Amino acid sequence: MKPVTTHSLSIVYALLLAGFTLALTVPVVTARAEDKASSTEEKVPVILNPIVQIEGDQILLGDVFTPLDRYADRVIARAPAPGEELVLPAVWLWKVAKTFGVEWQPTSTADIVTVSRPSSVIGQDQIDDLLTQSFFARTGEDDLIELELDGGPTRIDLPRSVAPTARIDRFDLDARSGRFTATLIAPATGRPLERINISGRFHRVVEMPVPSRRLGVGSLIQQGDITMMRIREDGLGTNLIVDPERLIGQAVRRSLSAGKPVRIGDVNAPRLVEKGRVIVVTLTTETMTLTVNARAMEPGALGDIIRVQNTQSNTVIDAVVTGEGRASVNLPQSLAANIQ
C-alpha cells in the first residue's frame, strides 16, 4: 500500500472543496433562472383604455392605462365638463407614460383616448316651463303664449351626482312687447354650479282654423279639410275667419294654402244654381203650392234671391235659392195664377 502523500491530499482537498462549492452554487443558479422565468410569465403588458368615462373632476393615470402596479391614482389631466368629451392624443399619452415609467408606447397617431363625462341634463322643455311660469306670475295671465329664445335651444349639464334642478334668479319683462331677460341658476338649491343669462320674447297666440291641405278654386270645404293651428297674434292679418264652422261647406274662391289662415273673401257659399240653367221653382200661396220650370237669369247660392223666368209664360219673378237647382216663391194667390 502506497502512502498518501501531501500532494495527493492537496488534490483530494481541492476536489472536495470544488464539489462543495458546486453543491452550493448550482441550486442558487437554478433558483435564479426559475425566478426569472416566473417573472417573465407573470408580467402582463400595459394596454391603453381607448374609451373612458369619468365621474369626477380629474383624470387618473389608472383610468388611461391598465394594469398598473403603481401610480394608478396620480392625476394626469382635468376631466371635461359634464356632458362633454376630451380627446387625449397619442404623443401626449406617450409623454405621460414615460413620465411615470409606464411601459407603453403608441403604434400610431390613432392610439388616442376619448374621455367623456356623463351628466344630469336640464333640457329645453324644463327651462321653457320655468320661464313660462315666471311670465304668468309676473303678468297674472294664463293664456295661450309662444316662447321664442334668442340664440336657439338651451340646455344645462350638471355632474351626474347632482339632481337636474334649476330656478329663475332674475326675470325682467316688458309687458308691452313681450321681451324678457332672465338669469337661470342650477341646481335649484345648494351651491350654484351653473349660472346662465337668457333672453327672448313671449308671443301671444290664437287658435285658428286653417286648411290641412291645399284647396283649389271651386272646392267645397269639408270637415276633414280643416285643422286648428296656433298662430301668433302679431302676425295675423285682417278679415280672417276664426270660427271653423264658417268654413265647412263653403266654396273656395281663391286657392287656399295648407296651414294659412283664411280670409272672408277667400270663400263663399257654393253655387246651387247656375245662370241659364232650368230649375224647379215652387210657388206657394195661402191655399196652394204650385211647381213650375223656370230659367235662372243669374247664379245663386243657398239663400240668395235670384231672378227666374217661367219657361212657358216668360214671366220674370224673384225667387230664393233653396237647394241644388231649386228655388221657392211666396206669392199672393192672384199673382200665382197669372204666372202659371
C-alpha atoms as a PDB file:
ATOM      1  CA  MET A   1       0.000   0.000   0.000  1.00  0.00           C
ATOM      2  CA  LYS A   2       1.308   3.318  -1.113  1.00  0.00           C
ATOM      3  CA  PRO A   3       1.439   6.003   1.445  1.00  0.00           C
ATOM      4  CA  VAL A   4      -0.809   9.057   0.922  1.00  0.00           C
ATOM      5  CA  THR A   5       1.437  11.889   0.016  1.00  0.00           C
ATOM      6  CA  THR A   6       0.951  15.545   0.784  1.00  0.00           C
ATOM      7  CA  HIS A   7       0.406  16.197  -2.930  1.00  0.00           C
ATOM      8  CA  SER A   8      -2.373  13.611  -3.074  1.00  0.00           C
ATOM      9  CA  LEU A   9      -4.066  15.172  -0.074  1.00  0.00           C
ATOM     10  CA  SER A  10      -3.973  18.547  -1.723  1.00  0.00           C
ATOM     11  CA  ILE A  11      -5.703  17.214  -4.850  1.00  0.00           C
ATOM     12  CA  VAL A  12      -8.397  15.443  -2.819  1.00  0.00           C
ATOM     13  CA  TYR A  13      -8.891  18.537  -0.768  1.00  0.00           C
ATOM     14  CA  ALA A  14      -9.210  20.655  -3.883  1.00  0.00           C
ATOM     15  CA  LEU A  15     -11.711  18.266  -5.403  1.00  0.00           C
ATOM     16  CA  LEU A  16     -13.743  18.145  -2.218  1.00  0.00           C
ATOM     17  CA  LEU A  17     -13.693  21.893  -1.987  1.00  0.00           C
ATOM     18  CA  ALA A  18     -14.742  22.234  -5.635  1.00  0.00           C
ATOM     19  CA  GLY A  19     -17.546  19.740  -5.209  1.00  0.00           C
ATOM     20  CA  PHE A  20     -18.806  21.521  -2.155  1.00  0.00           C
ATOM     21  CA  THR A  21     -18.771  24.793  -3.951  1.00  0.00           C
ATOM     22  CA  LEU A  22     -20.724  23.356  -6.894  1.00  0.00           C
ATOM     23  CA  ALA A  23     -23.201  21.876  -4.483  1.00  0.00           C
ATOM     24  CA  LEU A  24     -23.778  25.307  -3.085  1.00  0.00           C
ATOM     25  CA  THR A  25     -23.850  27.303  -6.318  1.00  0.00           C
ATOM     26  CA  VAL A  26     -25.813  25.088  -8.678  1.00  0.00           C
ATOM     27  CA  PRO A  27     -29.070  25.306  -6.724  1.00  0.00           C
ATOM     28  CA  VAL A  28     -28.681  29.101  -6.468  1.00  0.00           C
ATOM     29  CA  VAL A  29     -28.184  29.477 -10.224  1.00  0.00           C
ATOM     30  CA  THR A  30     -31.155  27.183 -10.835  1.00  0.00           C
ATOM     31  CA  ALA A  31     -33.317  29.186  -8.431  1.00  0.00           C
ATOM     32  CA  ARG A  32     -32.442  32.474 -10.136  1.00  0.00           C
ATOM     33  CA  ALA A  33     -33.307  31.035 -13.550  1.00  0.00           C
ATOM     34  CA  GLU A  34     -36.651  29.837 -12.221  1.00  0.00           C
ATOM     35  CA  ASP A  35     -37.392  33.265 -10.684  1.00  0.00           C
ATOM     36  CA  LYS A  36     -36.579  34.982 -13.989  1.00  0.00           C
ATOM     37  CA  ALA A  37     -38.803  32.588 -15.947  1.00  0.00           C
ATOM     38  CA  SER A  38     -41.611  33.038 -13.437  1.00  0.00           C
ATOM     39  CA  SER A  39     -41.264  36.831 -13.620  1.00  0.00           C
ATOM     40  CA  THR A  40     -41.428  36.726 -17.410  1.00  0.00           C
ATOM     41  CA  GLU A  41     -44.559  34.569 -17.409  1.00  0.00           C
ATOM     42  CA  GLU A  42     -46.479  36.723 -14.860  1.00  0.00           C
ATOM     43  CA  LYS A  43     -45.758  40.127 -16.399  1.00  0.00           C
ATOM     44  CA  VAL A  44     -48.866  41.467 -18.166  1.00  0.00           C
ATOM     45  CA  PRO A  45     -48.378  44.145 -20.831  1.00  0.00           C
ATOM     46  CA  VAL A  46     -49.862  47.571 -20.176  1.00  0.00           C
ATOM     47  CA  ILE A  47     -52.699  48.470 -22.547  1.00  0.00           C
ATOM     48  CA  LEU A  48     -54.486  51.709 -23.388  1.00  0.00           C
ATOM     49  CA  ASN A  49     -58.132  52.255 -22.500  1.00  0.00           C
ATOM     50  CA  PRO A  50     -59.470  53.993 -25.638  1.00  0.00           C
ATOM     51  CA  ILE A  51     -62.888  54.873 -24.135  1.00  0.00           C
ATOM     52  CA  VAL A  52     -63.017  56.287 -20.618  1.00  0.00           C
ATOM     53  CA  GLN A  53     -65.935  57.669 -18.589  1.00  0.00           C
ATOM     54  CA  ILE A  54     -65.149  59.996 -15.704  1.00  0.00           C
ATOM     55  CA  GLU A  55     -67.480  60.919 -12.864  1.00  0.00           C
ATOM     56  CA  GLY A  56     -65.225  63.404 -11.057  1.00  0.00           C
ATOM     57  CA  ASP A  57     -63.162  66.455 -11.999  1.00  0.00           C
ATOM     58  CA  GLN A  58     -59.841  64.650 -12.592  1.00  0.00           C
ATOM     59  CA  ILE A  59     -58.400  62.015 -14.934  1.00  0.00           C
ATOM     60  CA  LEU A  60     -56.116  59.497 -13.225  1.00  0.00           C
ATOM     61  CA  LEU A  61     -53.237  57.508 -14.707  1.00  0.00           C
ATOM     62  CA  GLY A  62     -55.129  54.296 -13.900  1.00  0.00           C
ATOM     63  CA  ASP A  63     -58.114  55.499 -15.928  1.00  0.00           C
ATOM     64  CA  VAL A  64     -55.995  55.558 -19.093  1.00  0.00           C
ATOM     65  CA  PHE A  65     -53.522  52.688 -18.641  1.00  0.00           C
ATOM     66  CA  THR A  66     -54.169  49.215 -17.257  1.00  0.00           C
ATOM     67  CA  PRO A  67     -52.927  47.281 -15.406  1.00  0.00           C
ATOM     68  CA  LEU A  68     -50.621  49.389 -13.240  1.00  0.00           C
ATOM     69  CA  ASP A  69     -48.684  48.284 -10.166  1.00  0.00           C
ATOM     70  CA  ARG A  70     -48.037  51.864  -9.052  1.00  0.00           C
ATOM     71  CA  TYR A  71     -49.049  55.485  -9.666  1.00  0.00           C
ATOM     72  CA  ALA A  72     -52.557  54.459 -10.726  1.00  0.00           C
ATOM     73  CA  ASP A  73     -54.034  57.224  -8.558  1.00  0.00           C
ATOM     74  CA  ARG A  74     -51.849  60.006  -9.994  1.00  0.00           C
ATOM     75  CA  VAL A  75     -53.762  62.903 -11.613  1.00  0.00           C
ATOM     76  CA  ILE A  76     -52.705  63.446 -15.232  1.00  0.00           C
ATOM     77  CA  ALA A  77     -55.371  65.894 -16.514  1.00  0.00           C
ATOM     78  CA  ARG A  78     -58.543  67.747 -15.676  1.00  0.00           C
ATOM     79  CA  ALA A  79     -61.751  65.971 -16.671  1.00  0.00           C
ATOM     80  CA  PRO A  80     -64.045  67.551 -19.284  1.00  0.00           C
ATOM     81  CA  ALA A  81     -67.122  69.454 -18.187  1.00  0.00           C
ATOM     82  CA  PRO A  82     -70.250  67.356 -17.531  1.00  0.00           C
ATOM     83  CA  GLY A  83     -71.805  66.276 -20.808  1.00  0.00           C
ATOM     84  CA  GLU A  84     -68.643  66.965 -22.823  1.00  0.00           C
ATOM     85  CA  GLU A  85     -65.712  64.921 -24.207  1.00  0.00           C
ATOM     86  CA  LEU A  86     -61.936  65.286 -24.227  1.00  0.00           C
ATOM     87  CA  VAL A  87     -59.544  63.548 -26.650  1.00  0.00           C
ATOM     88  CA  LEU A  88     -56.039  62.683 -25.393  1.00  0.00           C
ATOM     89  CA  PRO A  89     -53.646  62.359 -28.379  1.00  0.00           C
ATOM     90  CA  ALA A  90     -51.034  59.636 -28.821  1.00  0.00           C
ATOM     91  CA  VAL A  91     -47.959  61.875 -28.378  1.00  0.00           C
ATOM     92  CA  TRP A  92     -49.296  63.347 -25.148  1.00  0.00           C
ATOM     93  CA  LEU A  93     -50.083  59.872 -23.806  1.00  0.00           C
ATOM     94  CA  TRP A  94     -46.551  58.690 -24.630  1.00  0.00           C
ATOM     95  CA  LYS A  95     -45.056  61.574 -22.663  1.00  0.00           C
ATOM     96  CA  VAL A  96     -47.251  60.741 -19.695  1.00  0.00           C
ATOM     97  CA  ALA A  97     -46.256  57.075 -19.880  1.00  0.00           C
ATOM     98  CA  LYS A  98     -42.535  57.948 -19.903  1.00  0.00           C
ATOM     99  CA  THR A  99     -43.003  60.384 -17.007  1.00  0.00           C
ATOM    100  CA  PHE A 100     -44.426  57.683 -14.766  1.00  0.00           C
ATOM    101  CA  GLY A 101     -42.319  54.794 -16.087  1.00  0.00           C
ATOM    102  CA  VAL A 102     -45.238  53.019 -17.762  1.00  0.00           C
ATOM    103  CA  GLU A 103     -44.021  50.510 -20.348  1.00  0.00           C
ATOM    104  CA  TRP A 104     -46.242  51.637 -23.214  1.00  0.00           C
ATOM    105  CA  GLN A 105     -45.728  53.480 -26.456  1.00  0.00           C
ATOM    106  CA  PRO A 106     -48.113  54.260 -29.333  1.00  0.00           C
ATOM    107  CA  THR A 107     -48.072  52.285 -32.541  1.00  0.00           C
ATOM    108  CA  SER A 108     -49.633  55.175 -34.498  1.00  0.00           C
ATOM    109  CA  THR A 109     -51.369  58.506 -34.040  1.00  0.00           C
ATOM    110  CA  ALA A 110     -54.645  56.571 -33.892  1.00  0.00           C
ATOM    111  CA  ASP A 111     -53.783  55.458 -30.349  1.00  0.00           C
ATOM    112  CA  ILE A 112     -55.946  58.029 -28.581  1.00  0.00           C
ATOM    113  CA  VAL A 113     -58.190  58.095 -25.537  1.00  0.00           C
ATOM    114  CA  THR A 114     -61.650  59.660 -25.615  1.00  0.00           C
ATOM    115  CA  VAL A 115     -62.728  60.776 -22.154  1.00  0.00           C
ATOM    116  CA  SER A 116     -66.411  61.523 -21.595  1.00  0.00           C
ATOM    117  CA  ARG A 117     -68.216  62.745 -18.521  1.00  0.00           C
ATOM    118  CA  PRO A 118     -71.892  61.759 -18.101  1.00  0.00           C
ATOM    119  CA  SER A 119     -74.219  64.458 -16.836  1.00  0.00           C
ATOM    120  CA  SER A 120     -77.611  65.232 -15.354  1.00  0.00           C
ATOM    121  CA  VAL A 121     -79.352  67.185 -18.090  1.00  0.00           C
ATOM    122  CA  ILE A 122     -81.706  70.127 -17.675  1.00  0.00           C
ATOM    123  CA  GLY A 123     -83.379  70.186 -21.076  1.00  0.00           C
ATOM    124  CA  GLN A 124     -85.121  72.814 -23.169  1.00  0.00           C
ATOM    125  CA  ASP A 125     -88.624  71.833 -22.018  1.00  0.00           C
ATOM    126  CA  GLN A 126     -87.703  72.217 -18.347  1.00  0.00           C
ATOM    127  CA  ILE A 127     -86.158  75.647 -18.981  1.00  0.00           C
ATOM    128  CA  ASP A 128     -89.193  76.750 -21.030  1.00  0.00           C
ATOM    129  CA  ASP A 129     -91.509  75.730 -18.187  1.00  0.00           C
ATOM    130  CA  LEU A 130     -89.550  77.808 -15.678  1.00  0.00           C
ATOM    131  CA  LEU A 131     -89.636  80.868 -17.939  1.00  0.00           C
ATOM    132  CA  THR A 132     -93.344  80.448 -18.706  1.00  0.00           C
ATOM    133  CA  GLN A 133     -94.181  80.149 -15.016  1.00  0.00           C
ATOM    134  CA  SER A 134     -92.264  83.364 -14.381  1.00  0.00           C
ATOM    135  CA  PHE A 135     -94.202  85.085 -17.184  1.00  0.00           C
ATOM    136  CA  PHE A 136     -97.580  84.051 -15.767  1.00  0.00           C
ATOM    137  CA  ALA A 137     -96.513  85.032 -12.233  1.00  0.00           C
ATOM    138  CA  ARG A 138     -95.457  88.482 -13.459  1.00  0.00           C
ATOM    139  CA  THR A 139     -98.451  89.216 -15.713  1.00  0.00           C
ATOM    140  CA  GLY A 140    -101.191  87.357 -13.865  1.00  0.00           C
ATOM    141  CA  GLU A 141    -102.250  85.856 -17.191  1.00  0.00           C
ATOM    142  CA  ASP A 142    -102.860  82.253 -18.034  1.00  0.00           C
ATOM    143  CA  ASP A 143    -103.368  82.399 -21.770  1.00  0.00           C
ATOM    144  CA  LEU A 144    -102.001  80.948 -24.957  1.00  0.00           C
ATOM    145  CA  ILE A 145     -98.406  82.069 -25.478  1.00  0.00           C
ATOM    146  CA  GLU A 146     -95.397  81.001 -27.506  1.00  0.00           C
ATOM    147  CA  LEU A 147     -91.847  81.353 -26.189  1.00  0.00           C
ATOM    148  CA  GLU A 148     -89.025  82.374 -28.537  1.00  0.00           C
ATOM    149  CA  LEU A 149     -85.461  82.348 -27.164  1.00  0.00           C
ATOM    150  CA  ASP A 150     -82.622  84.429 -28.546  1.00  0.00           C
ATOM    151  CA  GLY A 151     -79.852  82.155 -29.748  1.00  0.00           C
ATOM    152  CA  GLY A 152     -81.878  78.987 -30.121  1.00  0.00           C
ATOM    153  CA  PRO A 153     -82.200  75.960 -27.789  1.00  0.00           C
ATOM    154  CA  THR A 154     -80.540  75.878 -24.380  1.00  0.00           C
ATOM    155  CA  ARG A 155     -79.524  73.031 -22.059  1.00  0.00           C
ATOM    156  CA  ILE A 156     -77.541  72.726 -18.858  1.00  0.00           C
ATOM    157  CA  ASP A 157     -75.286  69.784 -17.962  1.00  0.00           C
ATOM    158  CA  LEU A 158     -74.633  69.130 -14.279  1.00  0.00           C
ATOM    159  CA  PRO A 159     -72.475  66.408 -12.688  1.00  0.00           C
ATOM    160  CA  ARG A 160     -74.391  63.144 -12.590  1.00  0.00           C
ATOM    161  CA  SER A 161     -74.290  63.195  -8.802  1.00  0.00           C
ATOM    162  CA  VAL A 162     -76.342  66.423  -8.778  1.00  0.00           C
ATOM    163  CA  ALA A 163     -80.131  66.466  -9.259  1.00  0.00           C
ATOM    164  CA  PRO A 164     -81.127  68.224 -12.526  1.00  0.00           C
ATOM    165  CA  THR A 165     -82.998  71.159 -10.969  1.00  0.00           C
ATOM    166  CA  ALA A 166     -82.902  74.879 -11.687  1.00  0.00           C
ATOM    167  CA  ARG A 167     -84.548  78.154 -10.668  1.00  0.00           C
ATOM    168  CA  ILE A 168     -85.065  81.639 -12.091  1.00  0.00           C
ATOM    169  CA  ASP A 169     -82.987  84.112 -10.102  1.00  0.00           C
ATOM    170  CA  ARG A 170     -83.973  87.259 -12.041  1.00  0.00           C
ATOM    171  CA  PHE A 171     -86.793  87.912 -14.512  1.00  0.00           C
ATOM    172  CA  ASP A 172     -87.268  91.267 -16.260  1.00  0.00           C
ATOM    173  CA  LEU A 173     -90.222  91.654 -18.635  1.00  0.00           C
ATOM    174  CA  ASP A 174     -91.508  94.337 -20.970  1.00  0.00           C
ATOM    175  CA  ALA A 175     -95.214  93.534 -20.839  1.00  0.00           C
ATOM    176  CA  ARG A 176     -95.986  95.542 -23.974  1.00  0.00           C
ATOM    177  CA  SER A 177     -93.530  93.872 -26.335  1.00  0.00           C
ATOM    178  CA  GLY A 178     -93.165  90.566 -24.500  1.00  0.00           C
ATOM    179  CA  ARG A 179     -89.351  90.916 -24.441  1.00  0.00           C
ATOM    180  CA  PHE A 180     -87.610  89.473 -21.371  1.00  0.00           C
ATOM    181  CA  THR A 181     -84.213  88.770 -19.808  1.00  0.00           C
ATOM    182  CA  ALA A 182     -83.642  86.207 -17.072  1.00  0.00           C
ATOM    183  CA  THR A 183     -80.891  84.544 -15.056  1.00  0.00           C
ATOM    184  CA  LEU A 184     -81.094  80.792 -14.591  1.00  0.00           C
ATOM    185  CA  ILE A 185     -79.252  79.060 -11.730  1.00  0.00           C
ATOM    186  CA  ALA A 186     -78.657  75.316 -11.387  1.00  0.00           C
ATOM    187  CA  PRO A 187     -79.123  73.362  -9.255  1.00  0.00           C
ATOM    188  CA  ALA A 188     -82.143  74.971  -7.632  1.00  0.00           C
ATOM    189  CA  THR A 189     -80.722  74.501  -4.114  1.00  0.00           C
ATOM    190  CA  GLY A 190     -77.235  74.382  -2.654  1.00  0.00           C
ATOM    191  CA  ARG A 191     -74.102  75.788  -4.240  1.00  0.00           C
ATOM    192  CA  PRO A 192     -74.771  77.098  -7.777  1.00  0.00           C
ATOM    193  CA  LEU A 193     -72.804  75.189 -10.398  1.00  0.00           C
ATOM    194  CA  GLU A 194     -74.215  76.930 -13.464  1.00  0.00           C
ATOM    195  CA  ARG A 195     -75.480  80.474 -13.958  1.00  0.00           C
ATOM    196  CA  ILE A 196     -76.660  81.483 -17.420  1.00  0.00           C
ATOM    197  CA  ASN A 197     -78.380  84.572 -18.822  1.00  0.00           C
ATOM    198  CA  ILE A 198     -81.327  84.019 -21.154  1.00  0.00           C
ATOM    199  CA  SER A 199     -83.271  86.490 -23.283  1.00  0.00           C
ATOM    200  CA  GLY A 200     -86.159  86.195 -25.685  1.00  0.00           C
ATOM    201  CA  ARG A 201     -89.767  87.091 -26.277  1.00  0.00           C
ATOM    202  CA  PHE A 202     -93.206  85.821 -25.383  1.00  0.00           C
ATOM    203  CA  HIS A 203     -95.720  85.914 -28.239  1.00  0.00           C
ATOM    204  CA  ARG A 204     -99.451  85.736 -27.631  1.00  0.00           C
ATOM    205  CA  VAL A 205    -101.110  83.228 -29.931  1.00  0.00           C
ATOM    206  CA  VAL A 206    -104.635  82.308 -31.012  1.00  0.00           C
ATOM    207  CA  GLU A 207    -106.061  79.059 -32.323  1.00  0.00           C
ATOM    208  CA  MET A 208    -107.430  79.427 -35.821  1.00  0.00           C
ATOM    209  CA  PRO A 209    -108.911  77.083 -38.447  1.00  0.00           C
ATOM    210  CA  VAL A 210    -106.583  76.548 -41.409  1.00  0.00           C
ATOM    211  CA  PRO A 211    -106.661  74.179 -44.386  1.00  0.00           C
ATOM    212  CA  SER A 212    -104.896  70.878 -43.731  1.00  0.00           C
ATOM    213  CA  ARG A 213    -104.075  70.649 -47.446  1.00  0.00           C
ATOM    214  CA  ARG A 214    -104.063  72.888 -50.486  1.00  0.00           C
ATOM    215  CA  LEU A 215    -107.586  73.604 -51.769  1.00  0.00           C
ATOM    216  CA  GLY A 216    -108.177  74.754 -55.310  1.00  0.00           C
ATOM    217  CA  VAL A 217    -110.778  77.181 -56.644  1.00  0.00           C
ATOM    218  CA  GLY A 218    -114.282  75.707 -56.604  1.00  0.00           C
ATOM    219  CA  SER A 219    -113.503  73.097 -53.955  1.00  0.00           C
ATOM    220  CA  LEU A 220    -116.127  72.536 -51.285  1.00  0.00           C
ATOM    221  CA  ILE A 221    -114.562  72.631 -47.823  1.00  0.00           C
ATOM    222  CA  GLN A 222    -115.259  69.502 -45.790  1.00  0.00           C
ATOM    223  CA  GLN A 223    -114.690  68.793 -42.089  1.00  0.00           C
ATOM    224  CA  GLY A 224    -111.505  66.850 -42.836  1.00  0.00           C
ATOM    225  CA  ASP A 225    -110.051  69.755 -44.817  1.00  0.00           C
ATOM    226  CA  ILE A 226    -109.749  71.921 -41.691  1.00  0.00           C
ATOM    227  CA  THR A 227    -107.363  71.714 -38.737  1.00  0.00           C
ATOM    228  CA  MET A 228    -106.738  74.053 -35.796  1.00  0.00           C
ATOM    229  CA  MET A 229    -103.367  75.777 -35.528  1.00  0.00           C
ATOM    230  CA  ARG A 230    -101.780  78.196 -33.082  1.00  0.00           C
ATOM    231  CA  ILE A 231    -100.746  81.433 -34.811  1.00  0.00           C
ATOM    232  CA  ARG A 232     -99.059  84.478 -33.308  1.00  0.00           C
ATOM    233  CA  GLU A 233    -101.370  87.442 -32.880  1.00  0.00           C
ATOM    234  CA  ASP A 234     -98.782  89.911 -34.108  1.00  0.00           C
ATOM    235  CA  GLY A 235     -98.533  88.062 -37.418  1.00  0.00           C
ATOM    236  CA  LEU A 236    -102.247  87.941 -38.182  1.00  0.00           C
ATOM    237  CA  GLY A 237    -103.892  89.880 -40.955  1.00  0.00           C
ATOM    238  CA  THR A 238    -107.416  91.302 -41.042  1.00  0.00           C
ATOM    239  CA  ASN A 239    -110.817  89.876 -42.001  1.00  0.00           C
ATOM    240  CA  LEU A 240    -109.798  86.356 -41.004  1.00  0.00           C
ATOM    241  CA  ILE A 241    -112.263  83.562 -40.312  1.00  0.00           C
ATOM    242  CA  VAL A 242    -111.759  82.358 -36.725  1.00  0.00           C
ATOM    243  CA  ASP A 243    -114.782  80.037 -36.446  1.00  0.00           C
ATOM    244  CA  PRO A 244    -114.223  76.681 -38.209  1.00  0.00           C
ATOM    245  CA  GLU A 245    -117.989  76.271 -38.654  1.00  0.00           C
ATOM    246  CA  ARG A 246    -117.975  79.236 -41.011  1.00  0.00           C
ATOM    247  CA  LEU A 247    -115.657  77.330 -43.346  1.00  0.00           C
ATOM    248  CA  ILE A 248    -117.400  73.975 -43.505  1.00  0.00           C
ATOM    249  CA  GLY A 249    -119.487  73.704 -46.668  1.00  0.00           C
ATOM    250  CA  GLN A 250    -118.081  76.873 -48.219  1.00  0.00           C
ATOM    251  CA  ALA A 251    -116.716  77.035 -51.750  1.00  0.00           C
ATOM    252  CA  VAL A 252    -113.170  78.207 -52.399  1.00  0.00           C
ATOM    253  CA  ARG A 253    -112.972  81.458 -54.412  1.00  0.00           C
ATOM    254  CA  ARG A 254    -109.160  81.775 -54.259  1.00  0.00           C
ATOM    255  CA  SER A 255    -106.713  78.908 -53.796  1.00  0.00           C
ATOM    256  CA  LEU A 256    -106.033  78.177 -50.119  1.00  0.00           C
ATOM    257  CA  SER A 257    -102.594  77.087 -48.860  1.00  0.00           C
ATOM    258  CA  ALA A 258    -102.166  74.463 -46.148  1.00  0.00           C
ATOM    259  CA  GLY A 259    -101.567  75.977 -42.718  1.00  0.00           C
ATOM    260  CA  LYS A 260    -102.508  79.544 -43.740  1.00  0.00           C
ATOM    261  CA  PRO A 261    -105.446  81.480 -42.229  1.00  0.00           C
ATOM    262  CA  VAL A 262    -108.467  82.015 -44.458  1.00  0.00           C
ATOM    263  CA  ARG A 263    -109.858  85.499 -45.156  1.00  0.00           C
ATOM    264  CA  ILE A 264    -113.542  86.159 -45.502  1.00  0.00           C
ATOM    265  CA  GLY A 265    -113.169  86.980 -49.178  1.00  0.00           C
ATOM    266  CA  ASP A 266    -111.358  83.714 -49.928  1.00  0.00           C
ATOM    267  CA  VAL A 267    -114.548  81.640 -49.708  1.00  0.00           C
ATOM    268  CA  ASN A 268    -118.245  81.984 -50.371  1.00  0.00           C
ATOM    269  CA  ALA A 269    -121.342  79.872 -50.284  1.00  0.00           C
ATOM    270  CA  PRO A 270    -121.322  77.262 -53.056  1.00  0.00           C
ATOM    271  CA  ARG A 271    -123.464  77.965 -56.121  1.00  0.00           C
ATOM    272  CA  LEU A 272    -126.540  75.799 -56.207  1.00  0.00           C
ATOM    273  CA  VAL A 273    -127.995  77.445 -59.279  1.00  0.00           C
ATOM    274  CA  GLU A 274    -126.075  78.371 -62.439  1.00  0.00           C
ATOM    275  CA  LYS A 275    -127.102  81.149 -64.800  1.00  0.00           C
ATOM    276  CA  GLY A 276    -129.171  79.900 -67.760  1.00  0.00           C
ATOM    277  CA  ARG A 277    -129.996  76.595 -66.124  1.00  0.00           C
ATOM    278  CA  VAL A 278    -133.616  75.411 -65.960  1.00  0.00           C
ATOM    279  CA  ILE A 279    -134.571  74.894 -62.332  1.00  0.00           C
ATOM    280  CA  VAL A 280    -137.653  73.858 -60.373  1.00  0.00           C
ATOM    281  CA  VAL A 281    -139.454  76.745 -58.712  1.00  0.00           C
ATOM    282  CA  THR A 282    -142.053  76.123 -56.036  1.00  0.00           C
ATOM    283  CA  LEU A 283    -144.804  78.763 -55.878  1.00  0.00           C
ATOM    284  CA  THR A 284    -146.536  78.860 -52.515  1.00  0.00           C
ATOM    285  CA  THR A 285    -149.743  80.780 -51.714  1.00  0.00           C
ATOM    286  CA  GLU A 286    -152.075  80.786 -48.752  1.00  0.00           C
ATOM    287  CA  THR A 287    -154.165  77.981 -50.208  1.00  0.00           C
ATOM    288  CA  MET A 288    -151.939  76.006 -52.574  1.00  0.00           C
ATOM    289  CA  THR A 289    -148.442  75.079 -53.722  1.00  0.00           C
ATOM    290  CA  LEU A 290    -147.509  75.059 -57.418  1.00  0.00           C
ATOM    291  CA  THR A 291    -144.374  73.788 -59.134  1.00  0.00           C
ATOM    292  CA  VAL A 292    -143.125  75.295 -62.398  1.00  0.00           C
ATOM    293  CA  ASN A 293    -139.989  75.168 -64.501  1.00  0.00           C
ATOM    294  CA  ALA A 294    -138.030  78.398 -64.778  1.00  0.00           C
ATOM    295  CA  ARG A 295    -134.773  79.505 -66.259  1.00  0.00           C
ATOM    296  CA  ALA A 296    -132.277  81.107 -63.882  1.00  0.00           C
ATOM    297  CA  MET A 297    -131.267  84.530 -65.113  1.00  0.00           C
ATOM    298  CA  GLU A 298    -128.363  84.738 -62.641  1.00  0.00           C
ATOM    299  CA  PRO A 299    -126.385  82.317 -60.456  1.00  0.00           C
ATOM    300  CA  GLY A 300    -127.148  81.872 -56.790  1.00  0.00           C
ATOM    301  CA  ALA A 301    -126.046  80.186 -53.594  1.00  0.00           C
ATOM    302  CA  LEU A 302    -128.213  78.916 -50.783  1.00  0.00           C
ATOM    303  CA  GLY A 303    -130.485  81.743 -49.601  1.00  0.00           C
ATOM    304  CA  ASP A 304    -129.664  84.085 -52.466  1.00  0.00           C
ATOM    305  CA  ILE A 305    -132.521  85.903 -54.226  1.00  0.00           C
ATOM    306  CA  ILE A 306    -132.248  85.487 -57.984  1.00  0.00           C
ATOM    307  CA  ARG A 307    -134.402  86.334 -60.998  1.00  0.00           C
ATOM    308  CA  VAL A 308    -136.044  83.427 -62.776  1.00  0.00           C
ATOM    309  CA  GLN A 309    -138.195  83.294 -65.930  1.00  0.00           C
ATOM    310  CA  ASN A 310    -141.133  80.933 -66.355  1.00  0.00           C
ATOM    311  CA  THR A 311    -140.285  78.772 -69.369  1.00  0.00           C
ATOM    312  CA  GLN A 312    -143.958  78.795 -70.529  1.00  0.00           C
ATOM    313  CA  SER A 313    -145.272  82.281 -69.746  1.00  0.00           C
ATOM    314  CA  ASN A 314    -141.888  84.080 -69.857  1.00  0.00           C
ATOM    315  CA  THR A 315    -142.895  85.876 -66.655  1.00  0.00           C
ATOM    316  CA  VAL A 316    -139.887  87.046 -64.625  1.00  0.00           C
ATOM    317  CA  ILE A 317    -140.032  86.901 -60.830  1.00  0.00           C
ATOM    318  CA  ASP A 318    -137.619  86.837 -57.873  1.00  0.00           C
ATOM    319  CA  ALA A 319    -137.029  83.504 -56.143  1.00  0.00           C
ATOM    320  CA  VAL A 320    -134.991  82.313 -53.164  1.00  0.00           C
ATOM    321  CA  VAL A 321    -132.468  79.515 -53.821  1.00  0.00           C
ATOM    322  CA  THR A 322    -133.357  76.573 -51.573  1.00  0.00           C
ATOM    323  CA  GLY A 323    -131.155  73.776 -52.929  1.00  0.00           C
ATOM    324  CA  GLU A 324    -129.343  72.314 -55.881  1.00  0.00           C
ATOM    325  CA  GLY A 325    -131.377  73.508 -58.914  1.00  0.00           C
ATOM    326  CA  ARG A 326    -134.296  74.582 -56.765  1.00  0.00           C
ATOM    327  CA  ALA A 327    -135.896  77.844 -55.632  1.00  0.00           C
ATOM    328  CA  SER A 328    -139.106  78.985 -53.980  1.00  0.00           C
ATOM    329  CA  VAL A 329    -141.506  81.930 -54.141  1.00  0.00           C
ATOM    330  CA  ASN A 330    -144.223  83.023 -51.700  1.00  0.00           C
ATOM    331  CA  LEU A 331    -146.896  84.813 -53.732  1.00  0.00           C
ATOM    332  CA  PRO A 332    -150.465  86.028 -53.314  1.00  0.00           C
ATOM    333  CA  GLN A 333    -152.933  83.609 -54.932  1.00  0.00           C
ATOM    334  CA  SER A 334    -153.975  86.079 -57.668  1.00  0.00           C
ATOM    335  CA  LEU A 335    -150.360  86.668 -58.778  1.00  0.00           C
ATOM    336  CA  ALA A 336    -149.587  82.958 -58.739  1.00  0.00           C
ATOM    337  CA  ALA A 337    -152.473  82.343 -61.154  1.00  0.00           C
ATOM    338  CA  ASN A 338    -151.002  84.896 -63.596  1.00  0.00           C
ATOM    339  CA  ILE A 339    -147.561  83.278 -63.522  1.00  0.00           C
ATOM    340  CA  GLN A 340    -148.798  79.803 -64.475  1.00  0.00           C
END
